[in-house]
């Protein structure tokens, strides 16, 4: 889990100003590159999602694990320590 930082209003204003300045310094070509990279990452994530959804066996396992979780079948799960030692 991520760290929680306490930031006062002045620090927030400085960070926003710095971020705004950096964004305004980006050229159109750099911005296009960033947009293309973000779109490519999103498309890859969707492809992976569709691959998982198309795998009937994997989807059945996911549904079974959801059922096991809801019904409290703890024996159906492996602890992190057990998994690390495999």
C-alpha atoms as a PDB file:
ATOM      1  CA  UNK A   1       0.000   0.000   0.000  1.00  0.00           C
ATOM      2  CA  UNK A   2       1.210   3.534  -0.710  1.00  0.00           C
ATOM      3  CA  UNK A   3       2.569   5.915   1.858  1.00  0.00           C
ATOM      4  CA  UNK A   4       0.383   8.660   3.274  1.00  0.00           C
ATOM      5  CA  UNK A   5       1.940  12.098   3.347  1.00  0.00           C
ATOM      6  CA  UNK A   6       0.691  15.104   5.261  1.00  0.00           C
ATOM      7  CA  UNK A   7       1.098  18.111   2.994  1.00  0.00           C
ATOM      8  CA  UNK A   8       0.199  21.615   4.106  1.00  0.00           C
ATOM      9  CA  UNK A   9      -1.510  24.139   1.823  1.00  0.00           C
ATOM     10  CA  UNK A  10       1.727  25.939   0.874  1.00  0.00           C
ATOM     11  CA  UNK A  11       3.388  22.685  -0.161  1.00  0.00           C
ATOM     12  CA  UNK A  12       0.305  21.728  -2.178  1.00  0.00           C
ATOM     13  CA  UNK A  13       0.312  25.112  -3.929  1.00  0.00           C
ATOM     14  CA  UNK A  14       4.029  24.750  -4.708  1.00  0.00           C
ATOM     15  CA  UNK A  15       3.557  21.227  -6.051  1.00  0.00           C
ATOM     16  CA  UNK A  16       0.612  22.290  -8.208  1.00  0.00           C
ATOM     17  CA  UNK A  17       2.556  25.285  -9.522  1.00  0.00           C
ATOM     18  CA  UNK A  18       5.573  23.076 -10.280  1.00  0.00           C
ATOM     19  CA  UNK A  19       3.406  20.480 -12.011  1.00  0.00           C
ATOM     20  CA  UNK A  20       1.616  23.161 -14.017  1.00  0.00           C
ATOM     21  CA  UNK A  21       4.916  24.654 -15.098  1.00  0.00           C
ATOM     22  CA  UNK A  22       6.225  21.261 -16.149  1.00  0.00           C
ATOM     23  CA  UNK A  23       3.058  20.501 -18.124  1.00  0.00           C
ATOM     24  CA  UNK A  24       3.252  23.867 -19.838  1.00  0.00           C
ATOM     25  CA  UNK A  25       6.875  23.153 -20.824  1.00  0.00           C
ATOM     26  CA  UNK A  26       5.879  20.023 -22.743  1.00  0.00           C
ATOM     27  CA  UNK A  27       6.025  20.415 -26.497  1.00  0.00           C
ATOM     28  CA  UNK A  28       3.186  19.305 -28.741  1.00  0.00           C
ATOM     29  CA  UNK A  29       5.266  16.398 -30.037  1.00  0.00           C
ATOM     30  CA  UNK A  30       6.109  15.292 -26.483  1.00  0.00           C
ATOM     31  CA  UNK A  31       2.439  15.492 -25.550  1.00  0.00           C
ATOM     32  CA  UNK A  32       1.491  13.398 -28.586  1.00  0.00           C
ATOM     33  CA  UNK A  33       4.080  10.797 -27.555  1.00  0.00           C
ATOM     34  CA  UNK A  34       2.707  10.703 -24.004  1.00  0.00           C
ATOM     35  CA  UNK A  35      -0.859  10.317 -25.289  1.00  0.00           C
ATOM     36  CA  UNK A  36       0.175   7.487 -27.631  1.00  0.00           C
ATOM     37  CA  UNK A  37       1.989   5.707 -24.774  1.00  0.00           C
ATOM     38  CA  UNK A  38      -1.040   5.991 -22.494  1.00  0.00           C
ATOM     39  CA  UNK A  39      -3.371   4.706 -25.204  1.00  0.00           C
ATOM     40  CA  UNK A  40      -1.002   1.812 -25.963  1.00  0.00           C
ATOM     41  CA  UNK A  41      -0.884   0.873 -22.256  1.00  0.00           C
ATOM     42  CA  UNK A  42      -4.678   1.006 -22.022  1.00  0.00           C
ATOM     43  CA  UNK A  43      -5.085  -1.121 -25.142  1.00  0.00           C
ATOM     44  CA  UNK A  44      -2.670  -3.716 -23.762  1.00  0.00           C
ATOM     45  CA  UNK A  45      -4.596  -3.840 -20.481  1.00  0.00           C
ATOM     46  CA  UNK A  46      -7.865  -4.354 -22.380  1.00  0.00           C
ATOM     47  CA  UNK A  47      -6.286  -7.087 -24.536  1.00  0.00           C
ATOM     48  CA  UNK A  48      -5.146  -8.888 -21.394  1.00  0.00           C
ATOM     49  CA  UNK A  49      -8.620  -8.527 -19.886  1.00  0.00           C
ATOM     50  CA  UNK A  50     -10.261  -9.954 -23.011  1.00  0.00           C
ATOM     51  CA  UNK A  51      -7.789 -12.856 -23.082  1.00  0.00           C
ATOM     52  CA  UNK A  52      -8.703 -13.723 -19.503  1.00  0.00           C
ATOM     53  CA  UNK A  53     -12.426 -13.393 -20.203  1.00  0.00           C
ATOM     54  CA  UNK A  54     -12.118 -15.638 -23.279  1.00  0.00           C
ATOM     55  CA  UNK A  55     -10.465 -18.405 -21.241  1.00  0.00           C
ATOM     56  CA  UNK A  56     -13.458 -20.389 -19.943  1.00  0.00           C
ATOM     57  CA  UNK A  57     -11.357 -22.511 -17.590  1.00  0.00           C
ATOM     58  CA  UNK A  58      -9.691 -19.475 -16.018  1.00  0.00           C
ATOM     59  CA  UNK A  59     -13.023 -17.651 -15.688  1.00  0.00           C
ATOM     60  CA  UNK A  60     -14.504 -20.694 -13.921  1.00  0.00           C
ATOM     61  CA  UNK A  61     -11.558 -20.650 -11.507  1.00  0.00           C
ATOM     62  CA  UNK A  62     -12.043 -16.935 -10.843  1.00  0.00           C
ATOM     63  CA  UNK A  63     -15.780 -17.416 -10.218  1.00  0.00           C
ATOM     64  CA  UNK A  64     -15.043 -20.338  -7.891  1.00  0.00           C
ATOM     65  CA  UNK A  65     -12.515 -18.268  -5.955  1.00  0.00           C
ATOM     66  CA  UNK A  66     -15.086 -15.464  -5.608  1.00  0.00           C
ATOM     67  CA  UNK A  67     -17.597 -17.988  -4.255  1.00  0.00           C
ATOM     68  CA  UNK A  68     -15.009 -19.438  -1.868  1.00  0.00           C
ATOM     69  CA  UNK A  69     -14.148 -15.941  -0.629  1.00  0.00           C
ATOM     70  CA  UNK A  70     -17.803 -15.013  -0.048  1.00  0.00           C
ATOM     71  CA  UNK A  71     -18.519 -18.251   1.807  1.00  0.00           C
ATOM     72  CA  UNK A  72     -15.377 -17.993   3.921  1.00  0.00           C
ATOM     73  CA  UNK A  73     -13.625 -21.132   2.683  1.00  0.00           C
ATOM     74  CA  UNK A  74     -10.180 -20.185   3.946  1.00  0.00           C
ATOM     75  CA  UNK A  75      -8.750 -23.623   3.117  1.00  0.00           C
ATOM     76  CA  UNK A  76      -9.260 -22.768  -0.566  1.00  0.00           C
ATOM     77  CA  UNK A  77      -6.573 -20.083  -0.296  1.00  0.00           C
ATOM     78  CA  UNK A  78      -2.812 -20.296   0.077  1.00  0.00           C
ATOM     79  CA  UNK A  79      -1.091 -17.928   2.496  1.00  0.00           C
ATOM     80  CA  UNK A  80       1.469 -15.492   1.151  1.00  0.00           C
ATOM     81  CA  UNK A  81       4.214 -17.226   3.172  1.00  0.00           C
ATOM     82  CA  UNK A  82       3.298 -20.592   1.653  1.00  0.00           C
ATOM     83  CA  UNK A  83       3.232 -19.105  -1.825  1.00  0.00           C
ATOM     84  CA  UNK A  84       6.644 -17.457  -1.412  1.00  0.00           C
ATOM     85  CA  UNK A  85       8.231 -20.753  -0.380  1.00  0.00           C
ATOM     86  CA  UNK A  86       7.098 -22.580  -3.524  1.00  0.00           C
END
